Amino acid sequence: MIDLMLLISSFFAIAMIAAALVAIRVKQISIAMLAAGLVSLLASVMFLFFAAPDVAMTEAAIGSGLTTFLFFFVLGRVRGDQRD
């Protein structure tokens, strides 16, 4: 019988790889940024699952939240400059 912890960690690892491939392969930059944020979010859930809540909170706040926000902020500024 497959261990539950191995099954759940394998699911999150496969989901992270799939989201990373989406971030690499997609043509729209906004979808790529969301997929990169999803990788960080899944990593934070995986850290939480492995009983590392401090690392999970840091990854969720910085990796998933702040980085994704900064990507969209910069994208908006760059596209705003191109319209002028």
N, C-alpha and C. Protein backbone atom coordinates (compact mmCIF):
# COMPACT_ATOMS: atom_id res chain seq x y z
N MET A 1 0.84 -1.18 0.00
CA MET A 1 0.00 0.00 0.00
C MET A 1 0.89 1.25 0.00
N ILE A 2 0.53 2.21 -0.83
CA ILE A 2 1.32 3.43 -0.95
C ILE A 2 1.07 4.31 0.27
N ASP A 3 2.14 4.82 0.79
CA ASP A 3 2.06 5.70 1.95
C ASP A 3 1.34 7.00 1.57
N LEU A 4 0.49 7.48 2.44
CA LEU A 4 -0.29 8.70 2.16
C LEU A 4 0.61 9.91 2.00
N MET A 5 1.65 10.01 2.81
CA MET A 5 2.56 11.15 2.72
C MET A 5 3.29 11.17 1.37
N LEU A 6 3.70 10.00 0.90
CA LEU A 6 4.35 9.91 -0.40
C LEU A 6 3.39 10.28 -1.52
N LEU A 7 2.15 9.86 -1.41
CA LEU A 7 1.15 10.16 -2.42
C LEU A 7 0.86 11.66 -2.51
N ILE A 8 0.70 12.29 -1.36
CA ILE A 8 0.39 13.73 -1.35
C ILE A 8 1.59 14.55 -1.83
N SER A 9 2.78 14.20 -1.38
CA SER A 9 3.97 14.94 -1.82
C SER A 9 4.22 14.73 -3.31
N SER A 10 3.94 13.56 -3.82
CA SER A 10 4.08 13.31 -5.26
C SER A 10 3.08 14.14 -6.05
N PHE A 11 1.85 14.26 -5.54
CA PHE A 11 0.85 15.09 -6.20
C PHE A 11 1.30 16.54 -6.29
N PHE A 12 1.79 17.08 -5.17
CA PHE A 12 2.24 18.47 -5.17
C PHE A 12 3.47 18.66 -6.06
N ALA A 13 4.37 17.68 -6.08
CA ALA A 13 5.56 17.79 -6.94
C ALA A 13 5.17 17.78 -8.41
N ILE A 14 4.25 16.92 -8.78
CA ILE A 14 3.80 16.86 -10.18
C ILE A 14 3.04 18.14 -10.55
N ALA A 15 2.23 18.66 -9.63
CA ALA A 15 1.51 19.90 -9.89
C ALA A 15 2.47 21.08 -10.04
N MET A 16 3.54 21.10 -9.22
CA MET A 16 4.53 22.16 -9.34
C MET A 16 5.26 22.08 -10.68
N ILE A 17 5.61 20.89 -11.10
CA ILE A 17 6.28 20.72 -12.40
C ILE A 17 5.36 21.13 -13.54
N ALA A 18 4.09 20.77 -13.44
CA ALA A 18 3.13 21.14 -14.49
C ALA A 18 2.96 22.66 -14.55
N ALA A 19 2.86 23.31 -13.41
CA ALA A 19 2.72 24.77 -13.39
C ALA A 19 3.98 25.45 -13.91
N ALA A 20 5.14 24.89 -13.61
CA ALA A 20 6.40 25.45 -14.12
C ALA A 20 6.47 25.30 -15.64
N LEU A 21 6.02 24.17 -16.16
CA LEU A 21 6.00 23.99 -17.61
C LEU A 21 5.03 24.95 -18.28
N VAL A 22 3.91 25.19 -17.64
CA VAL A 22 2.96 26.18 -18.17
C VAL A 22 3.61 27.56 -18.19
N ALA A 23 4.32 27.90 -17.12
CA ALA A 23 4.98 29.21 -17.06
C ALA A 23 6.03 29.36 -18.15
N ILE A 24 6.68 28.28 -18.51
CA ILE A 24 7.72 28.34 -19.54
C ILE A 24 7.12 28.36 -20.94
N ARG A 25 6.08 27.57 -21.18
CA ARG A 25 5.58 27.35 -22.53
C ARG A 25 4.51 28.33 -23.02
N VAL A 26 3.81 28.98 -22.11
CA VAL A 26 2.67 29.80 -22.53
C VAL A 26 3.15 31.09 -23.20
N LYS A 27 2.35 31.61 -24.10
CA LYS A 27 2.71 32.81 -24.84
C LYS A 27 2.31 34.11 -24.12
N GLN A 28 1.20 34.09 -23.36
CA GLN A 28 0.75 35.29 -22.67
C GLN A 28 1.56 35.46 -21.38
N ILE A 29 2.14 36.65 -21.21
CA ILE A 29 3.00 36.90 -20.07
C ILE A 29 2.22 36.88 -18.76
N SER A 30 0.97 37.32 -18.76
CA SER A 30 0.20 37.33 -17.52
C SER A 30 -0.11 35.91 -17.03
N ILE A 31 -0.38 35.01 -17.94
CA ILE A 31 -0.62 33.61 -17.55
C ILE A 31 0.67 32.98 -17.04
N ALA A 32 1.79 33.34 -17.66
CA ALA A 32 3.08 32.82 -17.19
C ALA A 32 3.38 33.30 -15.77
N MET A 33 3.05 34.55 -15.48
CA MET A 33 3.29 35.07 -14.13
C MET A 33 2.37 34.40 -13.11
N LEU A 34 1.13 34.15 -13.48
CA LEU A 34 0.23 33.44 -12.58
C LEU A 34 0.68 32.00 -12.35
N ALA A 35 1.19 31.36 -13.37
CA ALA A 35 1.69 30.00 -13.21
C ALA A 35 2.92 29.96 -12.31
N ALA A 36 3.80 30.96 -12.43
CA ALA A 36 4.96 31.04 -11.55
C ALA A 36 4.52 31.27 -10.11
N GLY A 37 3.50 32.09 -9.91
CA GLY A 37 2.96 32.27 -8.57
C GLY A 37 2.34 31.01 -8.02
N LEU A 38 1.73 30.22 -8.90
CA LEU A 38 1.15 28.95 -8.48
C LEU A 38 2.23 27.97 -8.03
N VAL A 39 3.38 27.99 -8.69
CA VAL A 39 4.49 27.14 -8.26
C VAL A 39 4.89 27.49 -6.83
N SER A 40 5.00 28.77 -6.54
CA SER A 40 5.36 29.20 -5.19
C SER A 40 4.27 28.85 -4.18
N LEU A 41 3.02 28.99 -4.58
CA LEU A 41 1.92 28.65 -3.68
C LEU A 41 1.91 27.15 -3.37
N LEU A 42 2.11 26.33 -4.37
CA LEU A 42 2.17 24.89 -4.15
C LEU A 42 3.38 24.50 -3.30
N ALA A 43 4.49 25.21 -3.48
CA ALA A 43 5.66 24.95 -2.65
C ALA A 43 5.37 25.30 -1.19
N SER A 44 4.65 26.38 -0.96
CA SER A 44 4.33 26.75 0.42
C SER A 44 3.39 25.73 1.06
N VAL A 45 2.44 25.20 0.30
CA VAL A 45 1.57 24.15 0.83
C VAL A 45 2.37 22.89 1.12
N MET A 46 3.32 22.60 0.27
CA MET A 46 4.16 21.42 0.50
C MET A 46 5.03 21.60 1.75
N PHE A 47 5.57 22.80 1.94
CA PHE A 47 6.34 23.07 3.16
C PHE A 47 5.47 22.93 4.40
N LEU A 48 4.24 23.39 4.31
CA LEU A 48 3.32 23.26 5.43
C LEU A 48 3.00 21.79 5.71
N PHE A 49 2.85 21.03 4.65
CA PHE A 49 2.59 19.60 4.80
C PHE A 49 3.76 18.88 5.48
N PHE A 50 4.98 19.34 5.21
CA PHE A 50 6.17 18.73 5.81
C PHE A 50 6.53 19.36 7.15
N ALA A 51 5.59 20.03 7.79
CA ALA A 51 5.73 20.59 9.13
C ALA A 51 6.82 21.64 9.22
N ALA A 52 6.85 22.54 8.25
CA ALA A 52 7.75 23.69 8.28
C ALA A 52 6.92 24.95 8.08
N PRO A 53 6.12 25.33 9.08
CA PRO A 53 5.20 26.45 8.88
C PRO A 53 5.90 27.79 8.69
N ASP A 54 7.07 27.97 9.29
CA ASP A 54 7.78 29.23 9.11
C ASP A 54 8.26 29.40 7.67
N VAL A 55 8.76 28.34 7.08
CA VAL A 55 9.19 28.39 5.68
C VAL A 55 7.98 28.53 4.77
N ALA A 56 6.88 27.87 5.12
CA ALA A 56 5.66 27.97 4.32
C ALA A 56 5.10 29.38 4.31
N MET A 57 5.10 30.02 5.48
CA MET A 57 4.60 31.40 5.54
C MET A 57 5.49 32.36 4.75
N THR A 58 6.79 32.16 4.84
CA THR A 58 7.72 33.01 4.08
C THR A 58 7.55 32.81 2.59
N GLU A 59 7.45 31.56 2.16
CA GLU A 59 7.26 31.28 0.73
C GLU A 59 5.94 31.82 0.22
N ALA A 60 4.89 31.71 1.02
CA ALA A 60 3.59 32.23 0.59
C ALA A 60 3.61 33.75 0.51
N ALA A 61 4.23 34.39 1.49
CA ALA A 61 4.23 35.85 1.51
C ALA A 61 5.15 36.43 0.45
N ILE A 62 6.36 35.94 0.37
CA ILE A 62 7.34 36.51 -0.56
C ILE A 62 7.22 35.88 -1.94
N GLY A 63 7.32 34.57 -2.01
CA GLY A 63 7.35 33.89 -3.30
C GLY A 63 6.05 33.99 -4.07
N SER A 64 4.96 33.73 -3.39
CA SER A 64 3.68 33.71 -4.08
C SER A 64 3.03 35.09 -4.13
N GLY A 65 3.02 35.76 -3.01
CA GLY A 65 2.30 37.03 -2.93
C GLY A 65 3.04 38.22 -3.49
N LEU A 66 4.16 38.55 -2.87
CA LEU A 66 4.88 39.78 -3.23
C LEU A 66 5.49 39.71 -4.62
N THR A 67 6.09 38.59 -4.96
CA THR A 67 6.73 38.48 -6.27
C THR A 67 5.71 38.56 -7.40
N THR A 68 4.59 37.87 -7.25
CA THR A 68 3.55 37.93 -8.27
C THR A 68 2.99 39.34 -8.40
N PHE A 69 2.78 40.01 -7.26
CA PHE A 69 2.30 41.39 -7.29
C PHE A 69 3.30 42.30 -8.00
N LEU A 70 4.59 42.14 -7.68
CA LEU A 70 5.61 42.98 -8.32
C LEU A 70 5.69 42.72 -9.82
N PHE A 71 5.56 41.47 -10.23
CA PHE A 71 5.56 41.16 -11.66
C PHE A 71 4.43 41.88 -12.37
N PHE A 72 3.23 41.83 -11.81
CA PHE A 72 2.09 42.49 -12.44
C PHE A 72 2.22 44.01 -12.37
N PHE A 73 2.77 44.53 -11.30
CA PHE A 73 2.98 45.97 -11.18
C PHE A 73 3.95 46.46 -12.25
N VAL A 74 5.07 45.77 -12.40
CA VAL A 74 6.05 46.16 -13.40
C VAL A 74 5.48 45.99 -14.81
N LEU A 75 4.74 44.92 -15.04
CA LEU A 75 4.13 44.72 -16.35
C LEU A 75 3.17 45.86 -16.68
N GLY A 76 2.39 46.28 -15.70
CA GLY A 76 1.50 47.42 -15.92
C GLY A 76 2.25 48.70 -16.21
N ARG A 77 3.36 48.91 -15.53
CA ARG A 77 4.16 50.12 -15.77
C ARG A 77 4.81 50.08 -17.15
N VAL A 78 5.31 48.92 -17.54
CA VAL A 78 5.96 48.81 -18.86
C VAL A 78 4.94 48.97 -19.97
N ARG A 79 3.78 48.33 -19.82
CA ARG A 79 2.75 48.49 -20.85
C ARG A 79 2.19 49.90 -20.86
N GLY A 80 2.15 50.56 -19.73
CA GLY A 80 1.69 51.94 -19.68
C GLY A 80 2.64 52.87 -20.40
N ASP A 81 3.95 52.59 -20.30
CA ASP A 81 4.93 53.41 -21.02
C ASP A 81 4.87 53.19 -22.52
N GLN A 82 4.51 52.00 -22.95
CA GLN A 82 4.44 51.71 -24.38
C GLN A 82 3.24 52.38 -25.03
N ARG A 83 2.21 52.65 -24.29
CA ARG A 83 1.01 53.30 -24.86
C ARG A 83 1.24 54.77 -25.16
N ASP A 84 2.16 55.39 -24.43
CA ASP A 84 2.40 56.83 -24.61
C ASP A 84 3.12 57.14 -25.91
